Amino acid sequence: MYLFEALTVKSMTLRNRVVMPPMCMYSSETDGMPNNFHFTHYTSRAVGGVGLIIMEATGVLPWGRISDHCLGLWNDEQTKALAPIVTACQKQGAKMAIQLNHAGRKCTAREKTIFAPSAIPFEEGSPMPHEMTEEDIRDTILAFRSSAARAAAIGFDAIELHGAHGYLISEFLSPLTNHRTDGYGGSTENRCRILIETLQAIHEVWPDDKPVLLRVSAEDYEPEGLHPVEMARIIELVKPYIDVLDVSTGGVVPTPPPTLYPGYQVKVAEELKQASGLPTITVGLITDPHQVEGILGEGRADLVALGRELLRDPYWVLHTARNLDVKYQWPEQYLRGFNVRK
């Protein structure tokens, strides 16, 4: 089955095509620090057979977190605390990535200043963000660089830059949220500038042999927003700096997708995969292994992320292998559960 085939990107070889996407747990109790919950949460999915685990959106600055309870990676204490989680998951056969993020105008952390490309609130009642100066932009890029260096020191197998869902990078990319008139606004190339400069900065400290992933929202669901055709142009501009494309949609404004169904984002992922030629992750209410197999077998994506389904069933990969009578490397300690059938 395609689902259980290995995939190699640079030095990272995944044992299968199942991805745990970054999902905010809002469970950090103090100052962006992980705790026992995070250890159990991630190692359970590693034991359960997931090929690639992408750790939840992790703030590069205290005011870059989505909430006060999101993880951070801006100091040595956080770096030291994340390392055992990563090592434990890797020992169970999973590859580990971390998603670095700045929440932009969607920051709800207790910091007083909220930053965005333009002074436009997310929705009625949301706080008015501070329009970033070029110095603010430079400082933020350096924060991403510093967090990437910490991720490299921890030993993550890959790194993902969060350019989706209406957080800071996504806000710069979308014409709905970027009304700047300087070199960071206006044309597609200018709106993409902070993304390129951030990726360049990450590459200064990230190992050349390890993959860099980019998550994007390919559709804003508003007529004047981003659509797949322009996103394909953006990806072409950043293609020299990324190895895997992680495709999602929405989030820059409150407008929801017009319809929701299993695999509702696969089509746009397929379009961007074909346009870019990059290995691509798709996601979106997917739960059925036969659907996963169809997506992979038809070449519509290279990896399939199961978000809510892996929250419900950390052992989805193992259960799928057993249910479909696929030979698979179960954890030795659990073989009794695999071999005995009622």
Protein backbone atom coordinates (compact mmCIF):
# COMPACT_ATOMS: atom_id res chain seq x y z
CA MET A 1 0.00 0.00 0.00
CA TYR A 2 1.16 3.52 -0.80
CA LEU A 3 0.19 4.59 2.72
CA PHE A 4 2.94 2.42 4.21
CA GLU A 5 5.67 3.28 1.72
CA ALA A 6 8.73 5.15 2.93
CA LEU A 7 9.53 8.63 1.63
CA THR A 8 12.92 10.32 1.70
CA VAL A 9 13.41 14.08 1.57
CA LYS A 10 17.05 15.08 1.91
CA SER A 11 18.39 13.20 4.98
CA MET A 12 14.93 12.51 6.40
CA THR A 13 13.36 9.13 5.61
CA LEU A 14 9.78 8.68 6.79
CA ARG A 15 8.53 5.18 7.57
CA ASN A 16 5.12 5.91 6.03
CA ARG A 17 3.08 8.72 4.48
CA VAL A 18 1.04 9.68 7.55
CA VAL A 19 1.65 13.09 9.10
CA MET A 20 0.45 14.47 12.39
CA PRO A 21 -0.10 18.15 11.51
CA PRO A 22 0.67 20.93 13.97
CA MET A 23 -2.32 21.34 16.29
CA CYS A 24 -2.27 23.87 19.10
CA MET A 25 -2.80 22.20 22.46
CA TYR A 26 -2.88 25.42 24.55
CA SER A 27 -1.34 23.43 27.39
CA SER A 28 1.82 25.31 28.31
CA GLU A 29 1.43 26.37 31.91
CA THR A 30 4.21 28.96 32.11
CA ASP A 31 6.21 31.01 29.63
CA GLY A 32 5.92 28.75 26.59
CA MET A 33 7.34 25.72 28.40
CA PRO A 34 6.36 22.13 27.53
CA ASN A 35 5.30 19.78 30.29
CA ASN A 36 4.26 16.16 30.91
CA PHE A 37 1.15 16.58 28.80
CA HIS A 38 3.22 17.45 25.74
CA PHE A 39 5.54 14.49 26.34
CA THR A 40 2.60 12.07 26.48
CA HIS A 41 0.75 13.73 23.60
CA TYR A 42 3.61 13.47 21.12
CA THR A 43 5.17 10.19 22.18
CA SER A 44 1.78 8.46 21.98
CA ARG A 45 1.54 9.28 18.27
CA ALA A 46 5.14 8.16 17.75
CA VAL A 47 4.41 4.80 19.38
CA GLY A 48 1.22 4.72 17.30
CA GLY A 49 3.19 4.66 14.08
CA VAL A 50 2.95 8.19 12.65
CA GLY A 51 5.67 8.84 10.08
CA LEU A 52 6.14 12.58 10.59
CA ILE A 53 5.06 14.55 13.65
CA ILE A 54 4.99 18.32 13.23
CA MET A 55 5.01 19.92 16.65
CA GLU A 56 2.36 22.57 17.25
CA ALA A 57 2.80 26.24 16.32
CA THR A 58 5.67 27.43 18.51
CA GLY A 59 6.21 31.12 19.10
CA VAL A 60 9.53 32.71 18.20
CA LEU A 61 8.80 35.62 20.55
CA PRO A 62 6.61 36.01 23.67
CA TRP A 63 4.31 38.32 21.65
CA GLY A 64 4.43 35.89 18.74
CA ARG A 65 2.37 33.22 20.47
CA ILE A 66 -1.25 32.60 19.58
CA SER A 67 -2.07 32.41 23.30
CA ASP A 68 -0.36 32.52 26.68
CA HIS A 69 -0.54 28.73 26.73
CA CYS A 70 1.27 28.08 23.43
CA LEU A 71 4.78 26.69 23.25
CA GLY A 72 7.75 28.97 22.68
CA LEU A 73 11.33 28.58 21.51
CA TRP A 74 13.05 31.84 22.32
CA ASN A 75 15.19 30.86 25.33
CA ASP A 76 17.53 28.17 26.63
CA GLU A 77 15.05 26.82 29.17
CA GLN A 78 12.49 26.03 26.46
CA THR A 79 15.20 24.50 24.28
CA LYS A 80 16.32 22.18 27.07
CA ALA A 81 12.74 21.14 27.91
CA LEU A 82 11.76 20.29 24.31
CA ALA A 83 14.77 18.06 23.66
CA PRO A 84 13.60 14.97 25.64
CA ILE A 85 10.25 14.98 23.82
CA VAL A 86 11.94 15.03 20.44
CA THR A 87 14.43 12.31 21.38
CA ALA A 88 11.72 10.04 22.80
CA CYS A 89 9.60 10.32 19.65
CA GLN A 90 12.57 9.64 17.41
CA LYS A 91 13.44 6.53 19.42
CA GLN A 92 9.95 5.23 18.57
CA GLY A 93 10.62 5.66 14.84
CA ALA A 94 8.86 8.96 14.13
CA LYS A 95 10.58 11.89 12.49
CA MET A 96 10.10 15.20 14.24
CA ALA A 97 9.52 18.67 12.84
CA ILE A 98 8.66 21.89 14.62
CA GLN A 99 6.42 24.61 13.26
CA LEU A 100 7.82 28.07 14.00
CA ASN A 101 5.26 30.85 14.14
CA HIS A 102 4.51 34.48 14.86
CA ALA A 103 0.80 35.02 15.49
CA GLY A 104 0.70 38.58 14.18
CA ARG A 105 -2.66 40.27 14.71
CA LYS A 106 -4.17 36.98 15.95
CA CYS A 107 -1.96 37.03 19.05
CA THR A 108 -4.02 36.81 22.26
CA ALA A 109 -1.05 36.51 24.63
CA ARG A 110 -0.79 38.99 27.47
CA GLU A 111 1.90 41.10 25.79
CA LYS A 112 0.70 44.67 25.29
CA THR A 113 1.72 45.20 21.66
CA ILE A 114 0.20 43.21 18.81
CA PHE A 115 2.05 43.40 15.51
CA ALA A 116 0.77 43.10 11.94
CA PRO A 117 1.77 44.26 8.46
CA SER A 118 -1.05 46.82 8.55
CA ALA A 119 -3.19 48.31 11.31
CA ILE A 120 -6.27 46.20 10.54
CA PRO A 121 -7.97 44.19 13.32
CA PHE A 122 -8.90 40.57 12.69
CA GLU A 123 -12.60 41.14 13.28
CA GLU A 124 -14.95 43.51 15.08
CA GLY A 125 -13.94 43.67 18.72
CA SER A 126 -10.40 42.48 18.10
CA PRO A 127 -7.56 44.74 19.26
CA MET A 128 -6.00 47.15 16.80
CA PRO A 129 -2.55 45.87 15.84
CA HIS A 130 0.56 47.99 15.53
CA GLU A 131 1.72 48.36 11.92
CA MET A 132 5.23 46.97 11.87
CA THR A 133 8.14 49.22 11.06
CA GLU A 134 11.00 47.88 8.97
CA GLU A 135 12.98 47.57 12.21
CA ASP A 136 10.16 45.46 13.69
CA ILE A 137 10.30 43.25 10.60
CA ARG A 138 14.08 42.82 10.88
CA ASP A 139 13.80 41.94 14.57
CA THR A 140 11.11 39.36 13.82
CA ILE A 141 13.19 37.74 11.08
CA LEU A 142 16.10 37.49 13.53
CA ALA A 143 13.76 35.86 16.07
CA PHE A 144 12.82 33.19 13.51
CA ARG A 145 16.54 32.68 12.83
CA SER A 146 17.31 32.29 16.53
CA SER A 147 14.49 29.78 17.06
CA ALA A 148 15.62 27.80 14.01
CA ALA A 149 19.11 27.59 15.49
CA ARG A 150 17.62 26.27 18.73
CA ALA A 151 15.58 23.71 16.78
CA ALA A 152 18.75 22.56 15.03
CA ALA A 153 20.54 22.20 18.37
CA ILE A 154 17.67 20.10 19.74
CA GLY A 155 17.96 17.72 16.79
CA PHE A 156 14.65 18.13 14.97
CA ASP A 157 14.58 16.26 11.66
CA ALA A 158 12.80 19.08 9.83
CA ILE A 159 11.54 22.59 10.38
CA GLU A 160 8.28 24.14 9.20
CA LEU A 161 7.64 27.84 8.74
CA HIS A 162 4.02 28.76 9.41
CA GLY A 163 2.84 30.86 6.50
CA ALA A 164 -0.84 29.97 6.80
CA HIS A 165 -4.07 30.58 8.71
CA GLY A 166 -3.82 34.34 9.04
CA TYR A 167 -0.79 34.53 11.30
CA LEU A 168 1.99 37.04 10.64
CA ILE A 169 3.60 35.60 7.48
CA SER A 170 0.15 34.81 6.07
CA GLU A 171 -0.96 38.37 6.85
CA PHE A 172 1.92 39.76 4.80
CA LEU A 173 1.09 37.45 1.88
CA SER A 174 -2.61 38.27 1.63
CA PRO A 175 -3.81 41.52 0.03
CA LEU A 176 -6.71 41.46 2.49
CA THR A 177 -4.37 42.16 5.41
CA ASN A 178 -1.35 43.79 3.80
CA HIS A 179 -2.07 47.38 2.75
CA ARG A 180 1.54 48.56 3.00
CA THR A 181 3.05 50.95 0.48
CA ASP A 182 6.72 50.20 1.18
CA GLY A 183 8.89 47.32 -0.04
CA TYR A 184 6.86 44.80 1.98
CA GLY A 185 3.49 45.57 0.37
CA GLY A 186 1.74 45.99 -2.93
CA SER A 187 2.94 43.49 -5.53
CA THR A 188 3.05 39.74 -5.01
CA GLU A 189 6.84 39.95 -4.88
CA ASN A 190 6.79 42.64 -2.19
CA ARG A 191 4.19 40.86 -0.07
CA CYS A 192 6.36 37.75 -0.32
CA ARG A 193 9.52 39.60 0.75
CA ILE A 194 9.32 38.87 4.49
CA LEU A 195 8.74 35.19 3.73
CA ILE A 196 11.84 35.02 1.51
CA GLU A 197 13.98 36.93 3.99
CA THR A 198 12.81 34.70 6.85
CA LEU A 199 13.58 31.54 4.88
CA GLN A 200 17.00 32.91 3.97
CA ALA A 201 17.70 33.64 7.64
CA ILE A 202 16.59 30.15 8.67
CA HIS A 203 18.94 28.60 6.13
CA GLU A 204 21.86 30.45 7.73
CA VAL A 205 21.50 28.28 10.84
CA TRP A 206 19.58 25.20 9.68
CA PRO A 207 21.55 22.13 8.48
CA ASP A 208 21.72 21.91 4.68
CA ASP A 209 20.83 18.21 4.70
CA LYS A 210 17.58 18.63 6.66
CA PRO A 211 14.28 19.62 5.03
CA VAL A 212 12.52 22.96 5.36
CA LEU A 213 8.72 22.83 5.13
CA LEU A 214 6.37 25.73 4.39
CA ARG A 215 2.72 25.73 5.37
CA VAL A 216 0.47 27.95 3.28
CA SER A 217 -3.16 28.94 3.04
CA ALA A 218 -3.83 28.66 -0.67
CA GLU A 219 -7.33 30.16 -0.57
CA ASP A 220 -8.68 33.08 1.48
CA TYR A 221 -12.34 32.44 0.52
CA GLU A 222 -12.80 36.15 -0.30
CA PRO A 223 -12.82 37.59 -3.84
CA GLU A 224 -10.06 40.12 -3.13
CA GLY A 225 -7.91 37.64 -1.22
CA LEU A 226 -5.33 35.04 -2.12
CA HIS A 227 -6.28 32.24 -4.50
CA PRO A 228 -4.35 29.21 -5.77
CA VAL A 229 -3.07 30.93 -8.91
CA GLU A 230 -1.30 33.66 -6.93
CA MET A 231 -0.15 31.18 -4.29
CA ALA A 232 1.51 29.18 -7.05
CA ARG A 233 3.43 32.35 -8.00
CA ILE A 234 4.48 32.83 -4.37
CA ILE A 235 5.68 29.24 -4.13
CA GLU A 236 7.71 29.67 -7.30
CA LEU A 237 9.45 32.64 -5.66
CA VAL A 238 10.32 30.70 -2.49
CA LYS A 239 10.94 27.32 -4.11
CA PRO A 240 14.75 27.60 -3.82
CA TYR A 241 14.37 27.71 -0.03
CA ILE A 242 11.82 24.95 0.69
CA ASP A 243 11.73 21.18 0.31
CA VAL A 244 8.14 20.28 1.21
CA LEU A 245 4.88 22.17 0.74
CA ASP A 246 2.18 21.82 3.41
CA VAL A 247 -1.11 23.03 1.94
CA SER A 248 -4.09 24.32 3.90
CA THR A 249 -6.65 27.09 3.36
CA GLY A 250 -8.38 29.94 5.14
CA GLY A 251 -7.80 31.73 8.42
CA VAL A 252 -6.62 35.16 7.32
CA VAL A 253 -10.16 36.51 7.78
CA PRO A 254 -13.11 34.91 9.61
CA THR A 255 -14.75 33.75 6.35
CA PRO A 256 -15.20 29.94 6.49
CA PRO A 257 -14.89 27.53 3.57
CA PRO A 258 -18.17 27.31 1.64
CA THR A 259 -18.36 23.54 2.14
CA LEU A 260 -16.62 21.05 4.38
CA TYR A 261 -16.20 17.37 3.53
CA PRO A 262 -13.46 14.74 3.90
CA GLY A 263 -10.59 15.84 1.68
CA TYR A 264 -12.00 19.30 0.90
CA GLN A 265 -8.47 20.72 0.57
CA VAL A 266 -6.98 17.95 -1.56
CA LYS A 267 -7.78 19.62 -4.88
CA VAL A 268 -5.82 22.77 -4.09
CA ALA A 269 -2.91 20.73 -2.72
CA GLU A 270 -2.88 18.76 -5.96
CA GLU A 271 -2.88 21.97 -8.01
CA LEU A 272 0.08 23.41 -6.09
CA LYS A 273 1.96 20.12 -6.22
CA GLN A 274 1.61 20.03 -9.99
CA ALA A 275 2.59 23.68 -10.35
CA SER A 276 5.63 23.49 -8.08
CA GLY A 277 6.86 19.92 -8.44
CA LEU A 278 7.48 19.87 -4.67
CA PRO A 279 6.57 17.00 -2.33
CA THR A 280 3.23 18.04 -0.87
CA ILE A 281 1.21 17.40 2.28
CA THR A 282 -2.57 17.56 2.12
CA VAL A 283 -5.04 17.72 5.00
CA GLY A 284 -8.71 18.29 5.73
CA LEU A 285 -11.11 16.04 7.69
CA ILE A 286 -9.52 12.88 6.26
CA THR A 287 -10.13 9.74 8.31
CA ASP A 288 -10.54 6.79 5.93
CA PRO A 289 -7.42 4.79 4.99
CA HIS A 290 -8.95 3.97 1.61
CA GLN A 291 -9.26 7.69 0.89
CA VAL A 292 -5.65 8.19 1.99
CA GLU A 293 -4.59 5.37 -0.34
CA GLY A 294 -6.51 6.92 -3.23
CA ILE A 295 -4.94 10.36 -2.72
CA LEU A 296 -1.44 8.89 -2.65
CA GLY A 297 -2.01 6.35 -5.41
CA GLU A 298 -3.37 8.99 -7.78
CA GLY A 299 -0.39 11.24 -7.10
CA ARG A 300 -2.53 14.05 -5.71
CA ALA A 301 -0.23 14.45 -2.70
CA ASP A 302 2.85 12.75 -1.28
CA LEU A 303 1.84 12.82 2.39
CA VAL A 304 -1.53 12.96 4.13
CA ALA A 305 -2.03 14.71 7.47
CA LEU A 306 -4.66 13.41 9.86
CA GLY A 307 -5.44 16.00 12.50
CA ARG A 308 -8.65 15.33 14.38
CA GLU A 309 -8.44 11.63 13.60
CA LEU A 310 -5.08 11.33 15.37
CA LEU A 311 -6.56 13.14 18.36
CA ARG A 312 -9.26 10.48 18.48
CA ASP A 313 -6.93 7.57 17.76
CA PRO A 314 -3.18 7.96 18.41
CA TYR A 315 -2.70 4.42 17.05
CA TRP A 316 -4.47 4.97 13.73
CA VAL A 317 -1.49 3.71 11.73
CA LEU A 318 -1.21 0.50 13.76
CA HIS A 319 -4.96 -0.11 13.67
CA THR A 320 -5.03 0.48 9.91
CA ALA A 321 -2.19 -1.98 9.30
CA ARG A 322 -3.92 -4.64 11.38
CA ASN A 323 -7.38 -4.08 9.90
CA LEU A 324 -6.06 -4.26 6.34
CA ASP A 325 -3.68 -7.17 7.00
CA VAL A 326 -0.64 -5.15 6.04
CA LYS A 327 2.75 -6.28 7.29
CA TYR A 328 4.01 -3.44 9.43
CA GLN A 329 6.66 -2.97 12.10
CA TRP A 330 4.60 -2.80 15.28
CA PRO A 331 6.40 -1.82 18.49
CA GLU A 332 7.83 -5.01 19.94
CA GLN A 333 6.07 -4.42 23.25
CA TYR A 334 2.68 -4.34 21.49
CA LEU A 335 3.01 -7.38 19.23
CA ARG A 336 0.58 -9.40 21.31
CA GLY A 337 -2.10 -6.91 20.37
CA PHE A 338 -1.27 -7.26 16.68
CA ASN A 339 -1.05 -11.05 16.48
CA VAL A 340 -4.11 -12.10 18.48
CA ARG A 341 -7.46 -11.81 16.70
CA LYS A 342 -10.85 -12.40 18.20
